[in-house]
Amino acid sequence: VGDERKGNKLVALAVGIAIDMGLSTGAGVVLSLVVMGMLMRENVSIGDMEQRINDVMPAVMNSPLGYGFTAVGMLASLLGAYVCARIANDREYMLAGILSLVAVAVFAFMRDETLSALAEGTLLAINIGAIFLGTWLHARKKA
């Protein structure tokens, strides 16, 4: 009933982190391009673009568009954790804990000064929940 061989946990972690970071970064690039397109329609010069993006990004992130891209980041974490657990072929949550520590480090390194500590903590808690949910989705299939 299924393959019981364990996979390489280091490879699993590397792939899980790559999926999470890659998809989240890709979503951030798309969001920046969307904002740039909106600003170009307002005839903002290329020289002023970076400053204007910094000025409008807090408002964008507190809009349905920003919430959508935040959800994409959470889904990236869920998918990364699921693939990590699947490659490791394991039901343990240790790898989810390591992925969560990576998420905490990324949140600390890329701190958003426009968010309150409560909002950041809430987003981090939801992100960690998504990581453990991704691992659980694989673990329940193996039970």
C-alpha atoms as a PDB file:
ATOM      1  CA  VAL A   1       0.000   0.000   0.000  1.00  0.00           C
ATOM      2  CA  GLY A   2       2.219   2.796  -1.268  1.00  0.00           C
ATOM      3  CA  ASP A   3       5.951   3.303  -1.211  1.00  0.00           C
ATOM      4  CA  GLU A   4       7.340   3.231   2.324  1.00  0.00           C
ATOM      5  CA  ARG A   5      10.914   4.267   1.426  1.00  0.00           C
ATOM      6  CA  LYS A   6      12.003   7.529   2.982  1.00  0.00           C
ATOM      7  CA  GLY A   7      13.245  10.281   0.705  1.00  0.00           C
ATOM      8  CA  ASN A   8      16.176  12.594   1.180  1.00  0.00           C
ATOM      9  CA  LYS A   9      15.140  15.215   3.741  1.00  0.00           C
ATOM     10  CA  LEU A  10      17.742  17.775   2.648  1.00  0.00           C
ATOM     11  CA  VAL A  11      16.559  17.577  -0.954  1.00  0.00           C
ATOM     12  CA  ALA A  12      12.959  17.774   0.269  1.00  0.00           C
ATOM     13  CA  LEU A  13      13.727  20.922   2.270  1.00  0.00           C
ATOM     14  CA  ALA A  14      15.617  22.521  -0.610  1.00  0.00           C
ATOM     15  CA  VAL A  15      12.783  21.872  -3.043  1.00  0.00           C
ATOM     16  CA  GLY A  16      10.121  23.014  -0.563  1.00  0.00           C
ATOM     17  CA  ILE A  17      11.984  26.248   0.150  1.00  0.00           C
ATOM     18  CA  ALA A  18      12.607  26.818  -3.568  1.00  0.00           C
ATOM     19  CA  ILE A  19       8.906  26.381  -4.366  1.00  0.00           C
ATOM     20  CA  ASP A  20       7.815  28.698  -1.556  1.00  0.00           C
ATOM     21  CA  MET A  21      10.409  31.389  -2.257  1.00  0.00           C
ATOM     22  CA  GLY A  22      10.154  31.069  -6.024  1.00  0.00           C
ATOM     23  CA  LEU A  23       6.385  31.394  -6.207  1.00  0.00           C
ATOM     24  CA  SER A  24       6.301  34.145  -3.573  1.00  0.00           C
ATOM     25  CA  THR A  25       9.039  36.095  -5.359  1.00  0.00           C
ATOM     26  CA  GLY A  26       7.291  35.596  -8.678  1.00  0.00           C
ATOM     27  CA  ALA A  27       4.054  36.938  -7.202  1.00  0.00           C
ATOM     28  CA  GLY A  28       5.966  39.944  -5.842  1.00  0.00           C
ATOM     29  CA  VAL A  29       7.455  40.642  -9.263  1.00  0.00           C
ATOM     30  CA  VAL A  30       4.031  40.421 -10.899  1.00  0.00           C
ATOM     31  CA  LEU A  31       2.584  42.759  -8.261  1.00  0.00           C
ATOM     32  CA  SER A  32       5.404  45.254  -8.839  1.00  0.00           C
ATOM     33  CA  LEU A  33       4.829  45.106 -12.599  1.00  0.00           C
ATOM     34  CA  VAL A  34       1.103  45.712 -12.099  1.00  0.00           C
ATOM     35  CA  VAL A  35       1.843  48.722  -9.886  1.00  0.00           C
ATOM     36  CA  MET A  36       4.406  49.996 -12.398  1.00  0.00           C
ATOM     37  CA  GLY A  37       1.815  49.685 -15.159  1.00  0.00           C
ATOM     38  CA  MET A  38      -0.710  51.663 -13.111  1.00  0.00           C
ATOM     39  CA  LEU A  39       1.891  54.353 -12.420  1.00  0.00           C
ATOM     40  CA  MET A  40       2.944  54.528 -16.071  1.00  0.00           C
ATOM     41  CA  ARG A  41      -0.680  55.232 -16.978  1.00  0.00           C
ATOM     42  CA  GLU A  42      -0.361  58.257 -14.660  1.00  0.00           C
ATOM     43  CA  ASN A  43       2.702  59.368 -16.668  1.00  0.00           C
ATOM     44  CA  VAL A  44       5.158  58.826 -13.815  1.00  0.00           C
ATOM     45  CA  SER A  45       8.695  59.098 -15.159  1.00  0.00           C
ATOM     46  CA  ILE A  46      11.051  56.139 -14.957  1.00  0.00           C
ATOM     47  CA  GLY A  47      13.323  58.157 -12.658  1.00  0.00           C
ATOM     48  CA  ASP A  48      10.495  58.702 -10.166  1.00  0.00           C
ATOM     49  CA  MET A  49       9.114  55.168 -10.468  1.00  0.00           C
ATOM     50  CA  GLU A  50      10.977  53.584  -7.530  1.00  0.00           C
ATOM     51  CA  GLN A  51       9.950  56.326  -5.101  1.00  0.00           C
ATOM     52  CA  ARG A  52       6.336  56.250  -6.286  1.00  0.00           C
ATOM     53  CA  ILE A  53       6.209  52.447  -5.945  1.00  0.00           C
ATOM     54  CA  ASN A  54       7.443  52.794  -2.365  1.00  0.00           C
ATOM     55  CA  ASP A  55       4.811  55.472  -1.748  1.00  0.00           C
ATOM     56  CA  VAL A  56       1.827  53.524  -3.109  1.00  0.00           C
ATOM     57  CA  MET A  57       2.754  49.969  -2.095  1.00  0.00           C
ATOM     58  CA  PRO A  58       1.240  50.210   1.437  1.00  0.00           C
ATOM     59  CA  ALA A  59      -2.101  51.245  -0.079  1.00  0.00           C
ATOM     60  CA  VAL A  60      -1.855  48.487  -2.685  1.00  0.00           C
ATOM     61  CA  MET A  61      -1.124  45.855  -0.036  1.00  0.00           C
ATOM     62  CA  ASN A  62      -4.224  46.969   1.896  1.00  0.00           C
ATOM     63  CA  SER A  63      -6.435  46.534  -1.162  1.00  0.00           C
ATOM     64  CA  PRO A  64      -8.083  43.449  -2.665  1.00  0.00           C
ATOM     65  CA  LEU A  65      -5.151  43.212  -5.082  1.00  0.00           C
ATOM     66  CA  GLY A  66      -2.668  43.078  -2.196  1.00  0.00           C
ATOM     67  CA  TYR A  67      -4.783  40.569  -0.298  1.00  0.00           C
ATOM     68  CA  GLY A  68      -4.874  38.380  -3.389  1.00  0.00           C
ATOM     69  CA  PHE A  69      -1.101  38.426  -3.725  1.00  0.00           C
ATOM     70  CA  THR A  70      -0.739  37.695  -0.008  1.00  0.00           C
ATOM     71  CA  ALA A  71      -2.994  34.675  -0.506  1.00  0.00           C
ATOM     72  CA  VAL A  72      -0.749  33.537  -3.372  1.00  0.00           C
ATOM     73  CA  GLY A  73       2.218  33.715  -0.980  1.00  0.00           C
ATOM     74  CA  MET A  74       0.368  31.615   1.578  1.00  0.00           C
ATOM     75  CA  LEU A  75      -0.555  29.046  -1.075  1.00  0.00           C
ATOM     76  CA  ALA A  76       3.107  28.966  -2.121  1.00  0.00           C
ATOM     77  CA  SER A  77       4.024  28.061   1.459  1.00  0.00           C
ATOM     78  CA  LEU A  78       1.356  25.358   1.552  1.00  0.00           C
ATOM     79  CA  LEU A  79       2.508  23.888  -1.769  1.00  0.00           C
ATOM     80  CA  GLY A  80       6.183  24.050  -0.785  1.00  0.00           C
ATOM     81  CA  ALA A  81       5.468  22.188   2.460  1.00  0.00           C
ATOM     82  CA  TYR A  82       3.332  19.583   0.698  1.00  0.00           C
ATOM     83  CA  VAL A  83       6.009  18.877  -1.909  1.00  0.00           C
ATOM     84  CA  CYS A  84       8.669  18.802   0.823  1.00  0.00           C
ATOM     85  CA  ALA A  85       6.697  16.185   2.788  1.00  0.00           C
ATOM     86  CA  ARG A  86       6.003  14.207  -0.357  1.00  0.00           C
ATOM     87  CA  ILE A  87       9.658  14.097  -1.421  1.00  0.00           C
ATOM     88  CA  ALA A  88      10.714  13.139   2.108  1.00  0.00           C
ATOM     89  CA  ASN A  89       7.899  10.543   2.041  1.00  0.00           C
ATOM     90  CA  ASP A  90       7.421  11.131   5.722  1.00  0.00           C
ATOM     91  CA  ARG A  91       4.544  11.867   8.090  1.00  0.00           C
ATOM     92  CA  GLU A  92       6.687  13.688  10.634  1.00  0.00           C
ATOM     93  CA  TYR A  93       6.270  17.405  11.173  1.00  0.00           C
ATOM     94  CA  MET A  94       9.955  18.125  11.779  1.00  0.00           C
ATOM     95  CA  LEU A  95      10.420  19.386   8.222  1.00  0.00           C
ATOM     96  CA  ALA A  96       7.396  21.657   8.611  1.00  0.00           C
ATOM     97  CA  GLY A  97       9.050  23.079  11.728  1.00  0.00           C
ATOM     98  CA  ILE A  98      12.226  23.780   9.773  1.00  0.00           C
ATOM     99  CA  LEU A  99      10.248  25.399   6.950  1.00  0.00           C
ATOM    100  CA  SER A 100       8.483  27.503   9.595  1.00  0.00           C
ATOM    101  CA  LEU A 101      11.829  28.650  10.988  1.00  0.00           C
ATOM    102  CA  VAL A 102      12.829  29.703   7.471  1.00  0.00           C
ATOM    103  CA  ALA A 103       9.558  31.642   7.212  1.00  0.00           C
ATOM    104  CA  VAL A 104      10.252  33.387  10.532  1.00  0.00           C
ATOM    105  CA  ALA A 105      13.746  34.325   9.309  1.00  0.00           C
ATOM    106  CA  VAL A 106      12.362  35.682   6.029  1.00  0.00           C
ATOM    107  CA  PHE A 107       9.685  37.681   7.859  1.00  0.00           C
ATOM    108  CA  ALA A 108      12.364  39.135  10.173  1.00  0.00           C
ATOM    109  CA  PHE A 109      14.738  39.931   7.318  1.00  0.00           C
ATOM    110  CA  MET A 110      12.081  41.457   5.052  1.00  0.00           C
ATOM    111  CA  ARG A 111      10.175  43.317   7.744  1.00  0.00           C
ATOM    112  CA  ASP A 112       7.400  45.550   6.404  1.00  0.00           C
ATOM    113  CA  GLU A 113       7.619  48.862   8.245  1.00  0.00           C
ATOM    114  CA  THR A 114       4.106  49.789   7.122  1.00  0.00           C
ATOM    115  CA  LEU A 115       2.507  46.916   9.051  1.00  0.00           C
ATOM    116  CA  SER A 116       1.864  46.857  12.761  1.00  0.00           C
ATOM    117  CA  ALA A 117       3.540  44.171  14.847  1.00  0.00           C
ATOM    118  CA  LEU A 118       0.102  42.579  15.315  1.00  0.00           C
ATOM    119  CA  ALA A 119      -0.534  42.459  11.561  1.00  0.00           C
ATOM    120  CA  GLU A 120       2.909  40.995  10.875  1.00  0.00           C
ATOM    121  CA  GLY A 121       2.498  38.448  13.645  1.00  0.00           C
ATOM    122  CA  THR A 122      -0.900  37.468  12.283  1.00  0.00           C
ATOM    123  CA  LEU A 123       0.455  37.022   8.758  1.00  0.00           C
ATOM    124  CA  LEU A 124       3.363  34.974  10.089  1.00  0.00           C
ATOM    125  CA  ALA A 125       1.007  32.759  12.132  1.00  0.00           C
ATOM    126  CA  ILE A 126      -1.210  32.186   9.087  1.00  0.00           C
ATOM    127  CA  ASN A 127       1.871  31.401   6.995  1.00  0.00           C
ATOM    128  CA  ILE A 128       3.102  28.857   9.536  1.00  0.00           C
ATOM    129  CA  GLY A 129      -0.398  27.389   9.600  1.00  0.00           C
ATOM    130  CA  ALA A 130      -0.253  27.033   5.803  1.00  0.00           C
ATOM    131  CA  ILE A 131       3.091  25.231   6.100  1.00  0.00           C
ATOM    132  CA  PHE A 132       1.756  22.746   8.638  1.00  0.00           C
ATOM    133  CA  LEU A 133      -1.430  22.319   6.586  1.00  0.00           C
ATOM    134  CA  GLY A 134       0.658  21.431   3.534  1.00  0.00           C
ATOM    135  CA  THR A 135       2.542  18.830   5.551  1.00  0.00           C
ATOM    136  CA  TRP A 136      -0.697  17.500   7.046  1.00  0.00           C
ATOM    137  CA  LEU A 137      -2.230  17.125   3.565  1.00  0.00           C
ATOM    138  CA  HIS A 138       0.557  14.712   2.700  1.00  0.00           C
ATOM    139  CA  ALA A 139       0.588  12.994   6.111  1.00  0.00           C
ATOM    140  CA  ARG A 140      -3.134  12.217   6.040  1.00  0.00           C
ATOM    141  CA  LYS A 141      -2.723  10.428   2.703  1.00  0.00           C
ATOM    142  CA  LYS A 142      -0.109   8.163   4.267  1.00  0.00           C
ATOM    143  CA  ALA A 143      -2.146   7.339   7.376  1.00  0.00           C
END
